[in-house]
């Protein structure tokens, strides 16, 4: 497989925004194949050594199963928050299609806390954990997680994370909102068309939630919710300005 035989697709995040659902929906299209095995996520462009190995190594490692698909897709949610990842991706892949999936950052933070708790990273209660991220970068074990499992709020500051990707790939960066993707099948069809593929060949997703944390989602205290909404106000305004559209949350 040569680097010229296929185009590339990167689903770069954000974490806990439905990227696994989107990745599976895209993988069901006959002209797309996503990296395998998954999990784990490739995260190649978060690592200078891995990305320096070049496109042939990337293909051998993650796309040995590929045949005649048009797009080779890599879903790695750590990419969005790594400012070096866009440059590494450009050096190896040229101009890949980049898909960013965003969600109400307060709801994302709650989902992130549930995920970190279920996976044994977090011991603090919900409100204490989220408010702690206002003040401190808590220590974490990079051997267990490639990114901080405690960046509940910082990871929701989408505007600053999006800028390096939009600047590097201004014509191929596609931003979707989780709320709209799940509510309207036309959003997925529109993305497929924007990727240069036939939307009519996209199987209809079954709507089943994937990669969900077991249990009932907790209700966030109203005062804490107000504090977090204030924290995200400036970032949300910047994001809406960048995208030229209102945010669904």
Protein backbone atom coordinates (compact mmCIF):
# COMPACT_ATOMS: atom_id res chain seq x y z
CA UNK A 1 0.00 0.00 0.00
CA UNK A 2 1.53 3.34 -0.96
CA UNK A 3 0.80 6.74 0.52
CA UNK A 4 -0.79 7.80 -2.79
CA UNK A 5 -3.39 5.03 -2.99
CA UNK A 6 -5.71 6.40 -0.32
CA UNK A 7 -6.82 9.62 1.27
CA UNK A 8 -6.71 9.98 5.04
CA UNK A 9 -9.27 10.90 7.67
CA UNK A 10 -8.52 11.94 11.25
CA UNK A 11 -11.28 12.01 13.86
CA UNK A 12 -9.37 14.06 16.43
CA UNK A 13 -11.83 14.45 19.33
CA UNK A 14 -13.04 15.69 21.65
CA UNK A 15 -13.00 12.97 24.25
CA UNK A 16 -16.41 11.85 25.61
CA UNK A 17 -18.24 13.56 22.74
CA UNK A 18 -19.40 10.50 20.80
CA UNK A 19 -16.35 9.95 18.64
CA UNK A 20 -16.60 6.17 18.97
CA UNK A 21 -20.18 6.34 17.70
CA UNK A 22 -19.10 8.55 14.79
CA UNK A 23 -16.10 6.35 14.00
CA UNK A 24 -18.28 3.27 13.76
CA UNK A 25 -20.82 5.08 11.61
CA UNK A 26 -18.08 6.17 9.20
CA UNK A 27 -16.46 2.72 9.23
CA UNK A 28 -19.78 1.27 8.03
CA UNK A 29 -19.47 3.25 4.79
CA UNK A 30 -17.96 1.02 2.09
CA UNK A 31 -15.47 3.71 1.07
CA UNK A 32 -14.08 4.20 4.59
CA UNK A 33 -12.07 1.90 6.83
CA UNK A 34 -10.95 2.89 10.30
CA UNK A 35 -7.69 1.91 11.96
CA UNK A 36 -7.52 -1.52 13.55
CA UNK A 37 -7.29 -2.77 16.17
CA UNK A 38 -9.46 -0.27 18.00
CA UNK A 39 -9.07 0.01 20.88
CA UNK A 40 -6.36 1.09 21.31
CA UNK A 41 -6.43 4.41 19.49
CA UNK A 42 -3.37 4.94 17.26
CA UNK A 43 -2.31 8.30 18.79
CA UNK A 44 0.58 8.32 16.31
CA UNK A 45 0.65 12.09 15.91
CA UNK A 46 0.95 12.63 19.66
CA UNK A 47 4.36 10.96 19.52
CA UNK A 48 7.28 12.45 17.58
CA UNK A 49 9.05 9.08 17.38
CA UNK A 50 6.01 7.22 16.05
CA UNK A 51 5.14 9.89 13.49
CA UNK A 52 8.76 10.03 12.31
CA UNK A 53 8.50 6.40 11.20
CA UNK A 54 6.52 7.59 8.18
CA UNK A 55 3.42 6.71 6.26
CA UNK A 56 4.44 3.17 5.28
CA UNK A 57 4.88 2.21 8.93
CA UNK A 58 1.58 3.93 9.75
CA UNK A 59 -0.20 1.92 7.06
CA UNK A 60 1.43 -1.39 8.03
CA UNK A 61 0.59 -0.94 11.70
CA UNK A 62 -2.99 0.33 11.51
CA UNK A 63 -4.36 -0.39 8.01
CA UNK A 64 -3.09 -3.82 7.02
CA UNK A 65 -6.74 -4.82 6.58
CA UNK A 66 -7.49 -2.04 4.06
CA UNK A 67 -8.44 -2.94 0.51
CA UNK A 68 -9.96 -0.53 -2.02
CA UNK A 69 -11.52 1.98 0.38
CA UNK A 70 -11.09 5.66 -0.45
CA UNK A 71 -10.47 6.96 3.08
CA UNK A 72 -8.27 5.47 5.79
CA UNK A 73 -9.54 6.76 9.13
CA UNK A 74 -7.74 7.23 12.45
CA UNK A 75 -9.84 8.11 15.53
CA UNK A 76 -7.63 9.36 18.37
CA UNK A 77 -9.24 11.81 20.79
CA UNK A 78 -5.90 12.93 22.24
CA UNK A 79 -5.04 14.62 18.95
CA UNK A 80 -7.32 17.61 19.52
CA UNK A 81 -5.50 18.83 22.61
CA UNK A 82 -1.96 18.22 21.31
CA UNK A 83 -0.77 21.40 19.53
CA UNK A 84 2.03 19.44 17.83
CA UNK A 85 -0.27 16.81 16.32
CA UNK A 86 -1.48 18.90 13.35
CA UNK A 87 2.04 19.59 12.14
CA UNK A 88 3.06 15.97 12.45
CA UNK A 89 -0.08 14.88 10.60
CA UNK A 90 0.56 17.38 7.82
CA UNK A 91 4.15 16.23 7.42
CA UNK A 92 3.15 12.60 7.05
CA UNK A 93 -0.28 12.77 5.38
CA UNK A 94 -0.33 16.08 3.54
CA UNK A 95 -3.94 17.30 3.69
CA UNK A 96 -6.06 14.74 5.55
CA UNK A 97 -9.74 15.27 6.23
CA UNK A 98 -10.09 16.30 9.89
CA UNK A 99 -13.30 15.77 11.84
CA UNK A 100 -13.90 17.39 15.21
CA UNK A 101 -16.92 16.40 17.30
CA UNK A 102 -17.86 18.75 20.16
CA UNK A 103 -20.42 18.61 22.95
CA UNK A 104 -21.76 20.88 25.68
CA UNK A 105 -18.54 21.22 27.74
CA UNK A 106 -20.35 20.94 31.08
CA UNK A 107 -22.02 17.68 30.08
CA UNK A 108 -18.72 16.51 28.61
CA UNK A 109 -16.98 17.21 31.93
CA UNK A 110 -19.53 15.12 33.83
CA UNK A 111 -19.14 12.26 31.35
CA UNK A 112 -15.35 12.54 31.66
CA UNK A 113 -15.57 12.32 35.48
CA UNK A 114 -17.76 9.23 35.20
CA UNK A 115 -15.25 7.64 32.81
CA UNK A 116 -12.26 8.45 35.04
CA UNK A 117 -14.10 7.13 38.09
CA UNK A 118 -15.21 3.91 36.40
CA UNK A 119 -11.66 3.26 35.21
CA UNK A 120 -10.08 3.72 38.61
CA UNK A 121 -8.40 7.09 38.07
CA UNK A 122 -10.70 9.31 40.12
CA UNK A 123 -11.55 9.12 43.83
CA UNK A 124 -13.06 12.59 44.37
CA UNK A 125 -16.79 13.28 44.25
CA UNK A 126 -18.15 14.89 41.09
CA UNK A 127 -18.36 18.50 42.26
CA UNK A 128 -15.02 18.37 44.10
CA UNK A 129 -13.26 16.87 41.07
CA UNK A 130 -14.64 19.41 38.60
CA UNK A 131 -13.97 22.41 40.84
CA UNK A 132 -10.43 21.16 41.52
CA UNK A 133 -9.70 21.54 37.81
CA UNK A 134 -10.36 25.26 38.10
CA UNK A 135 -7.26 25.69 40.23
CA UNK A 136 -4.75 22.95 39.74
CA UNK A 137 -3.19 20.50 37.30
CA UNK A 138 -3.45 17.33 39.34
CA UNK A 139 -0.70 14.75 39.07
CA UNK A 140 -1.41 11.69 36.97
CA UNK A 141 0.46 8.61 35.80
CA UNK A 142 1.45 8.88 32.10
CA UNK A 143 2.03 5.12 32.10
CA UNK A 144 -1.71 4.61 32.63
CA UNK A 145 -3.08 7.42 30.46
CA UNK A 146 -1.58 9.37 27.56
CA UNK A 147 -3.35 12.54 28.72
CA UNK A 148 -4.52 13.75 32.11
CA UNK A 149 -7.63 11.91 33.33
CA UNK A 150 -8.43 14.95 35.47
CA UNK A 151 -8.59 17.74 32.83
CA UNK A 152 -12.36 17.85 33.04
CA UNK A 153 -12.71 21.56 32.35
CA UNK A 154 -9.54 22.34 30.41
CA UNK A 155 -10.46 19.71 27.86
CA UNK A 156 -13.73 21.55 27.22
CA UNK A 157 -12.03 24.79 26.13
CA UNK A 158 -12.57 23.85 22.52
CA UNK A 159 -11.72 27.14 20.85
CA UNK A 160 -8.04 27.11 21.75
CA UNK A 161 -7.71 23.40 20.94
CA UNK A 162 -9.36 23.81 17.55
CA UNK A 163 -7.20 26.70 16.36
CA UNK A 164 -4.02 24.71 15.47
CA UNK A 165 -6.10 22.23 13.45
CA UNK A 166 -8.08 24.91 11.62
CA UNK A 167 -4.89 26.83 10.88
CA UNK A 168 -3.07 23.78 9.54
CA UNK A 169 -6.02 22.33 7.61
CA UNK A 170 -8.32 25.29 6.89
CA UNK A 171 -10.14 23.66 3.98
CA UNK A 172 -10.45 20.11 5.33
CA UNK A 173 -11.44 20.61 8.97
CA UNK A 174 -15.07 19.69 9.68
CA UNK A 175 -16.65 20.56 13.03
CA UNK A 176 -19.79 18.76 14.20
CA UNK A 177 -21.81 18.93 17.40
CA UNK A 178 -22.78 15.77 19.24
CA UNK A 179 -26.24 17.10 20.03
CA UNK A 180 -26.99 17.63 16.32
CA UNK A 181 -25.32 14.42 15.13
CA UNK A 182 -27.49 12.30 17.40
CA UNK A 183 -30.69 14.22 16.69
CA UNK A 184 -30.55 14.51 12.90
CA UNK A 185 -29.42 11.76 10.47
CA UNK A 186 -28.78 14.48 7.87
CA UNK A 187 -25.74 15.63 9.86
CA UNK A 188 -23.91 12.35 9.21
CA UNK A 189 -24.99 12.34 5.56
CA UNK A 190 -23.77 15.91 5.18
CA UNK A 191 -20.39 15.02 6.64
CA UNK A 192 -20.04 12.04 4.30
CA UNK A 193 -20.78 14.32 1.35
CA UNK A 194 -18.27 16.88 2.61
CA UNK A 195 -15.69 14.11 2.73
CA UNK A 196 -16.23 13.59 -0.99
CA UNK A 197 -18.10 10.31 -0.62
CA UNK A 198 -21.59 9.18 -1.60
CA UNK A 199 -23.91 9.81 1.36
CA UNK A 200 -26.47 7.42 -0.08
CA UNK A 201 -24.08 4.55 0.65
CA UNK A 202 -23.94 5.34 4.38
CA UNK A 203 -25.75 2.70 6.45
CA UNK A 204 -28.18 4.23 8.92
CA UNK A 205 -26.66 3.96 12.43
CA UNK A 206 -28.73 1.85 14.81
CA UNK A 207 -28.69 4.66 17.37
CA UNK A 208 -27.18 2.45 20.05
CA UNK A 209 -24.94 4.32 22.47
CA UNK A 210 -21.35 3.06 22.32
CA UNK A 211 -18.53 3.36 24.85
CA UNK A 212 -21.00 4.62 27.45
CA UNK A 213 -20.14 4.54 31.15
CA UNK A 214 -22.44 2.15 33.05
CA UNK A 215 -24.91 3.53 35.55
CA UNK A 216 -27.10 6.59 35.83
CA UNK A 217 -25.51 9.97 35.11
CA UNK A 218 -25.39 12.13 38.27
CA UNK A 219 -27.17 15.47 38.46
CA UNK A 220 -24.70 18.32 38.88
CA UNK A 221 -25.37 20.84 41.65
CA UNK A 222 -27.02 23.99 40.24
CA UNK A 223 -24.44 26.29 41.81
CA UNK A 224 -21.55 24.30 40.40
CA UNK A 225 -23.27 24.23 37.02
CA UNK A 226 -23.48 28.02 37.08
CA UNK A 227 -19.80 28.27 38.00
CA UNK A 228 -18.79 25.99 35.14
CA UNK A 229 -20.99 27.81 32.63
CA UNK A 230 -19.21 31.00 33.64
CA UNK A 231 -15.85 29.32 33.20
CA UNK A 232 -16.72 28.26 29.66
CA UNK A 233 -18.46 31.50 28.62
CA UNK A 234 -15.45 33.15 26.98
CA UNK A 235 -14.28 29.96 25.27
CA UNK A 236 -17.78 29.23 23.97
CA UNK A 237 -18.05 32.75 22.57
CA UNK A 238 -14.70 32.36 20.80
CA UNK A 239 -15.78 29.01 19.38
CA UNK A 240 -19.04 30.41 18.03
CA UNK A 241 -17.10 33.25 16.44
CA UNK A 242 -14.58 30.85 14.88
CA UNK A 243 -17.32 28.69 13.41
CA UNK A 244 -19.64 31.53 12.46
CA UNK A 245 -22.65 29.81 13.99
CA UNK A 246 -24.40 29.54 17.36
CA UNK A 247 -23.59 26.61 19.60
CA UNK A 248 -26.40 24.11 20.27
CA UNK A 249 -25.88 24.26 24.01
